[in-house]
Amino acid sequence: MFGHKNTPARDKVTGASISMTHTIKVQLADKTGHTQMLLSPAETAEKIQQNSSSWIYADNQLVQADQMNEANLSTVSSVRILPGLVGG
């Protein structure tokens, strides 16, 4: 079903090229609720930078927002962006 190293994958029935795009399930929570999206690694990195003061979890591991770029997200399947908790 998959093509060789330099050949794109093709559908067996139609022969059309198949796009194999990596998507990440992103959950963004704020004071009004939460939003769930499917984004590319580049879009996810942008969303993380837009919310850099939030707590970021990549595959359930707390990570630093400034360390999350497109390359680091290439193997991640889920990201949660949550408001930081403040004790007191």
N, C-alpha and C. Protein backbone atom coordinates (compact mmCIF):
# COMPACT_ATOMS: atom_id res chain seq x y z
N MET A 1 0.81 -1.19 0.00
CA MET A 1 0.00 0.00 0.00
C MET A 1 0.86 1.26 0.00
N PHE A 2 1.99 1.24 0.70
CA PHE A 2 2.83 2.42 0.75
C PHE A 2 3.86 2.37 -0.36
N GLY A 3 4.22 3.55 -0.86
CA GLY A 3 5.20 3.63 -1.93
C GLY A 3 6.61 3.41 -1.40
N HIS A 4 7.54 3.35 -2.32
CA HIS A 4 8.93 3.21 -1.94
C HIS A 4 9.44 4.53 -1.38
N LYS A 5 10.70 4.58 -1.05
CA LYS A 5 11.30 5.72 -0.37
C LYS A 5 10.94 7.07 -1.01
N ASN A 6 11.02 7.20 -2.31
CA ASN A 6 10.75 8.48 -2.98
C ASN A 6 9.43 8.49 -3.74
N THR A 7 8.61 7.48 -3.53
CA THR A 7 7.34 7.39 -4.23
C THR A 7 6.21 7.64 -3.25
N PRO A 8 5.30 8.58 -3.54
CA PRO A 8 4.20 8.83 -2.61
C PRO A 8 3.28 7.61 -2.52
N ALA A 9 2.65 7.45 -1.37
CA ALA A 9 1.69 6.36 -1.19
C ALA A 9 0.51 6.58 -2.13
N ARG A 10 -0.04 5.50 -2.64
CA ARG A 10 -1.17 5.61 -3.57
C ARG A 10 -2.28 4.68 -3.11
N ASP A 11 -3.51 5.14 -3.32
CA ASP A 11 -4.68 4.33 -3.02
C ASP A 11 -4.75 3.19 -4.02
N LYS A 12 -4.96 1.96 -3.55
CA LYS A 12 -4.97 0.80 -4.44
C LYS A 12 -6.13 0.85 -5.45
N VAL A 13 -7.26 1.39 -5.06
CA VAL A 13 -8.43 1.40 -5.92
C VAL A 13 -8.36 2.50 -6.97
N THR A 14 -8.10 3.74 -6.53
CA THR A 14 -8.14 4.87 -7.45
C THR A 14 -6.78 5.25 -8.01
N GLY A 15 -5.69 4.85 -7.33
CA GLY A 15 -4.36 5.25 -7.78
C GLY A 15 -4.00 6.67 -7.38
N ALA A 16 -4.88 7.34 -6.63
CA ALA A 16 -4.64 8.72 -6.21
C ALA A 16 -3.61 8.75 -5.09
N SER A 17 -2.85 9.84 -5.02
CA SER A 17 -1.88 10.02 -3.93
C SER A 17 -2.63 10.17 -2.62
N ILE A 18 -2.05 9.61 -1.56
CA ILE A 18 -2.65 9.70 -0.23
C ILE A 18 -1.79 10.64 0.60
N SER A 19 -2.40 11.62 1.21
CA SER A 19 -1.68 12.56 2.06
C SER A 19 -1.58 11.98 3.46
N MET A 20 -0.36 11.84 3.98
CA MET A 20 -0.13 11.30 5.31
C MET A 20 0.33 12.44 6.21
N THR A 21 -0.58 13.28 6.63
CA THR A 21 -0.26 14.43 7.44
C THR A 21 -0.39 14.10 8.91
N HIS A 22 0.63 14.40 9.69
CA HIS A 22 0.61 14.18 11.14
C HIS A 22 -0.25 15.26 11.78
N THR A 23 -1.26 14.86 12.53
CA THR A 23 -2.08 15.82 13.26
C THR A 23 -1.98 15.54 14.75
N ILE A 24 -2.18 16.59 15.52
CA ILE A 24 -2.09 16.53 16.97
C ILE A 24 -3.43 16.99 17.55
N LYS A 25 -3.95 16.21 18.49
CA LYS A 25 -5.17 16.62 19.19
C LYS A 25 -4.77 17.65 20.24
N VAL A 26 -5.26 18.88 20.08
CA VAL A 26 -4.92 19.97 20.98
C VAL A 26 -6.16 20.35 21.78
N GLN A 27 -6.03 20.36 23.10
CA GLN A 27 -7.10 20.81 23.99
C GLN A 27 -6.64 22.10 24.63
N LEU A 28 -7.41 23.16 24.44
CA LEU A 28 -7.10 24.48 24.98
C LEU A 28 -8.17 24.83 26.01
N ALA A 29 -7.77 24.96 27.27
CA ALA A 29 -8.71 25.28 28.34
C ALA A 29 -8.51 26.71 28.81
N ASP A 30 -9.61 27.37 29.14
CA ASP A 30 -9.55 28.70 29.74
C ASP A 30 -10.73 28.87 30.69
N LYS A 31 -10.96 30.08 31.19
CA LYS A 31 -12.00 30.30 32.19
C LYS A 31 -13.41 30.07 31.66
N THR A 32 -13.57 30.02 30.35
CA THR A 32 -14.91 29.82 29.78
C THR A 32 -15.19 28.37 29.38
N GLY A 33 -14.19 27.51 29.48
CA GLY A 33 -14.37 26.11 29.09
C GLY A 33 -13.15 25.61 28.34
N HIS A 34 -13.38 24.72 27.38
CA HIS A 34 -12.25 24.24 26.60
C HIS A 34 -12.64 24.02 25.15
N THR A 35 -11.62 24.05 24.29
CA THR A 35 -11.78 23.83 22.86
C THR A 35 -10.86 22.69 22.47
N GLN A 36 -11.34 21.83 21.59
CA GLN A 36 -10.52 20.72 21.10
C GLN A 36 -10.34 20.88 19.60
N MET A 37 -9.09 20.72 19.12
CA MET A 37 -8.77 20.92 17.71
C MET A 37 -7.82 19.84 17.23
N LEU A 38 -7.79 19.59 15.95
CA LEU A 38 -6.77 18.75 15.32
C LEU A 38 -5.90 19.68 14.48
N LEU A 39 -4.62 19.79 14.86
CA LEU A 39 -3.72 20.74 14.21
C LEU A 39 -2.45 20.05 13.74
N SER A 40 -1.79 20.66 12.78
CA SER A 40 -0.47 20.19 12.34
C SER A 40 0.55 20.56 13.41
N PRO A 41 1.75 19.97 13.37
CA PRO A 41 2.78 20.37 14.32
C PRO A 41 3.09 21.87 14.26
N ALA A 42 3.13 22.46 13.08
CA ALA A 42 3.42 23.90 12.95
C ALA A 42 2.31 24.73 13.59
N GLU A 43 1.05 24.36 13.34
CA GLU A 43 -0.08 25.08 13.94
C GLU A 43 -0.10 24.91 15.45
N THR A 44 0.27 23.72 15.92
CA THR A 44 0.32 23.45 17.35
C THR A 44 1.39 24.30 18.02
N ALA A 45 2.57 24.39 17.40
CA ALA A 45 3.65 25.22 17.94
C ALA A 45 3.21 26.68 18.04
N GLU A 46 2.50 27.16 17.03
CA GLU A 46 1.99 28.54 17.05
C GLU A 46 1.00 28.73 18.18
N LYS A 47 0.08 27.78 18.37
CA LYS A 47 -0.91 27.86 19.44
C LYS A 47 -0.23 27.85 20.81
N ILE A 48 0.81 27.05 20.97
CA ILE A 48 1.55 27.00 22.23
C ILE A 48 2.21 28.35 22.49
N GLN A 49 2.84 28.95 21.47
CA GLN A 49 3.50 30.24 21.66
C GLN A 49 2.49 31.35 21.99
N GLN A 50 1.28 31.25 21.45
CA GLN A 50 0.24 32.22 21.75
C GLN A 50 -0.23 32.11 23.20
N ASN A 51 0.02 30.95 23.81
CA ASN A 51 -0.41 30.70 25.19
C ASN A 51 0.79 30.30 26.05
N SER A 52 1.91 30.97 25.86
CA SER A 52 3.16 30.57 26.49
C SER A 52 3.16 30.68 28.02
N SER A 53 2.24 31.44 28.60
CA SER A 53 2.18 31.54 30.06
C SER A 53 1.34 30.42 30.67
N SER A 54 0.73 29.60 29.84
CA SER A 54 -0.09 28.48 30.31
C SER A 54 0.79 27.27 30.60
N TRP A 55 0.21 26.28 31.25
CA TRP A 55 0.90 25.01 31.44
C TRP A 55 0.66 24.17 30.20
N ILE A 56 1.72 23.59 29.65
CA ILE A 56 1.65 22.82 28.41
C ILE A 56 2.01 21.36 28.72
N TYR A 57 1.12 20.46 28.33
CA TYR A 57 1.37 19.03 28.48
C TYR A 57 1.40 18.40 27.09
N ALA A 58 2.51 17.78 26.74
CA ALA A 58 2.66 17.06 25.48
C ALA A 58 2.67 15.57 25.82
N ASP A 59 1.68 14.84 25.33
CA ASP A 59 1.54 13.42 25.67
C ASP A 59 1.62 13.21 27.19
N ASN A 60 0.91 14.04 27.93
CA ASN A 60 0.78 13.97 29.39
C ASN A 60 2.06 14.28 30.16
N GLN A 61 3.04 14.90 29.52
CA GLN A 61 4.27 15.33 30.19
C GLN A 61 4.32 16.85 30.19
N LEU A 62 4.52 17.46 31.37
CA LEU A 62 4.64 18.90 31.46
C LEU A 62 5.90 19.34 30.72
N VAL A 63 5.77 20.29 29.80
CA VAL A 63 6.90 20.78 29.00
C VAL A 63 6.94 22.30 29.06
N GLN A 64 8.08 22.85 28.70
CA GLN A 64 8.24 24.30 28.62
C GLN A 64 7.78 24.78 27.25
N ALA A 65 6.96 25.82 27.24
CA ALA A 65 6.41 26.34 25.98
C ALA A 65 7.51 26.74 25.00
N ASP A 66 8.59 27.33 25.51
CA ASP A 66 9.66 27.80 24.61
C ASP A 66 10.49 26.66 24.02
N GLN A 67 10.30 25.44 24.49
CA GLN A 67 11.01 24.29 23.93
C GLN A 67 10.17 23.52 22.92
N MET A 68 8.94 23.93 22.73
CA MET A 68 8.04 23.19 21.84
C MET A 68 8.00 23.84 20.47
N ASN A 69 8.72 23.25 19.53
CA ASN A 69 8.70 23.72 18.15
C ASN A 69 8.17 22.60 17.26
N GLU A 70 8.09 22.86 15.99
CA GLU A 70 7.54 21.89 15.05
C GLU A 70 8.29 20.56 15.09
N ALA A 71 9.62 20.61 15.19
CA ALA A 71 10.41 19.37 15.22
C ALA A 71 10.12 18.56 16.48
N ASN A 72 10.03 19.24 17.62
CA ASN A 72 9.75 18.54 18.87
C ASN A 72 8.35 17.96 18.91
N LEU A 73 7.45 18.49 18.12
CA LEU A 73 6.06 18.02 18.10
C LEU A 73 5.82 16.94 17.05
N SER A 74 6.83 16.56 16.30
CA SER A 74 6.64 15.62 15.19
C SER A 74 6.18 14.23 15.63
N THR A 75 6.43 13.85 16.88
CA THR A 75 6.02 12.53 17.35
C THR A 75 4.94 12.60 18.43
N VAL A 76 4.48 13.81 18.75
CA VAL A 76 3.47 14.01 19.79
C VAL A 76 2.08 13.76 19.23
N SER A 77 1.22 13.08 20.01
CA SER A 77 -0.14 12.83 19.54
C SER A 77 -1.17 13.72 20.22
N SER A 78 -0.86 14.25 21.41
CA SER A 78 -1.82 15.13 22.07
C SER A 78 -1.11 16.21 22.87
N VAL A 79 -1.73 17.39 22.90
CA VAL A 79 -1.22 18.53 23.65
C VAL A 79 -2.39 19.14 24.42
N ARG A 80 -2.15 19.40 25.70
CA ARG A 80 -3.15 20.12 26.50
C ARG A 80 -2.53 21.43 26.95
N ILE A 81 -3.26 22.53 26.74
CA ILE A 81 -2.84 23.86 27.14
C ILE A 81 -3.81 24.31 28.23
N LEU A 82 -3.28 24.43 29.46
CA LEU A 82 -4.13 24.68 30.61
C LEU A 82 -3.67 25.94 31.34
N PRO A 83 -4.62 26.66 31.96
CA PRO A 83 -4.21 27.82 32.75
C PRO A 83 -3.33 27.36 33.92
N GLY A 84 -2.29 28.11 34.22
CA GLY A 84 -1.43 27.75 35.35
C GLY A 84 -2.17 27.92 36.66
N LEU A 85 -1.90 27.03 37.59
CA LEU A 85 -2.52 27.12 38.92
C LEU A 85 -1.63 27.93 39.84
N VAL A 86 -2.26 28.77 40.63
CA VAL A 86 -1.53 29.61 41.56
C VAL A 86 -2.03 29.29 42.97
N GLY A 87 -1.12 28.91 43.81
CA GLY A 87 -1.49 28.60 45.20
C GLY A 87 -1.38 29.83 46.06
N GLY A 88 -2.02 29.79 47.21
CA GLY A 88 -1.85 30.96 48.06
C GLY A 88 -2.72 30.94 49.17
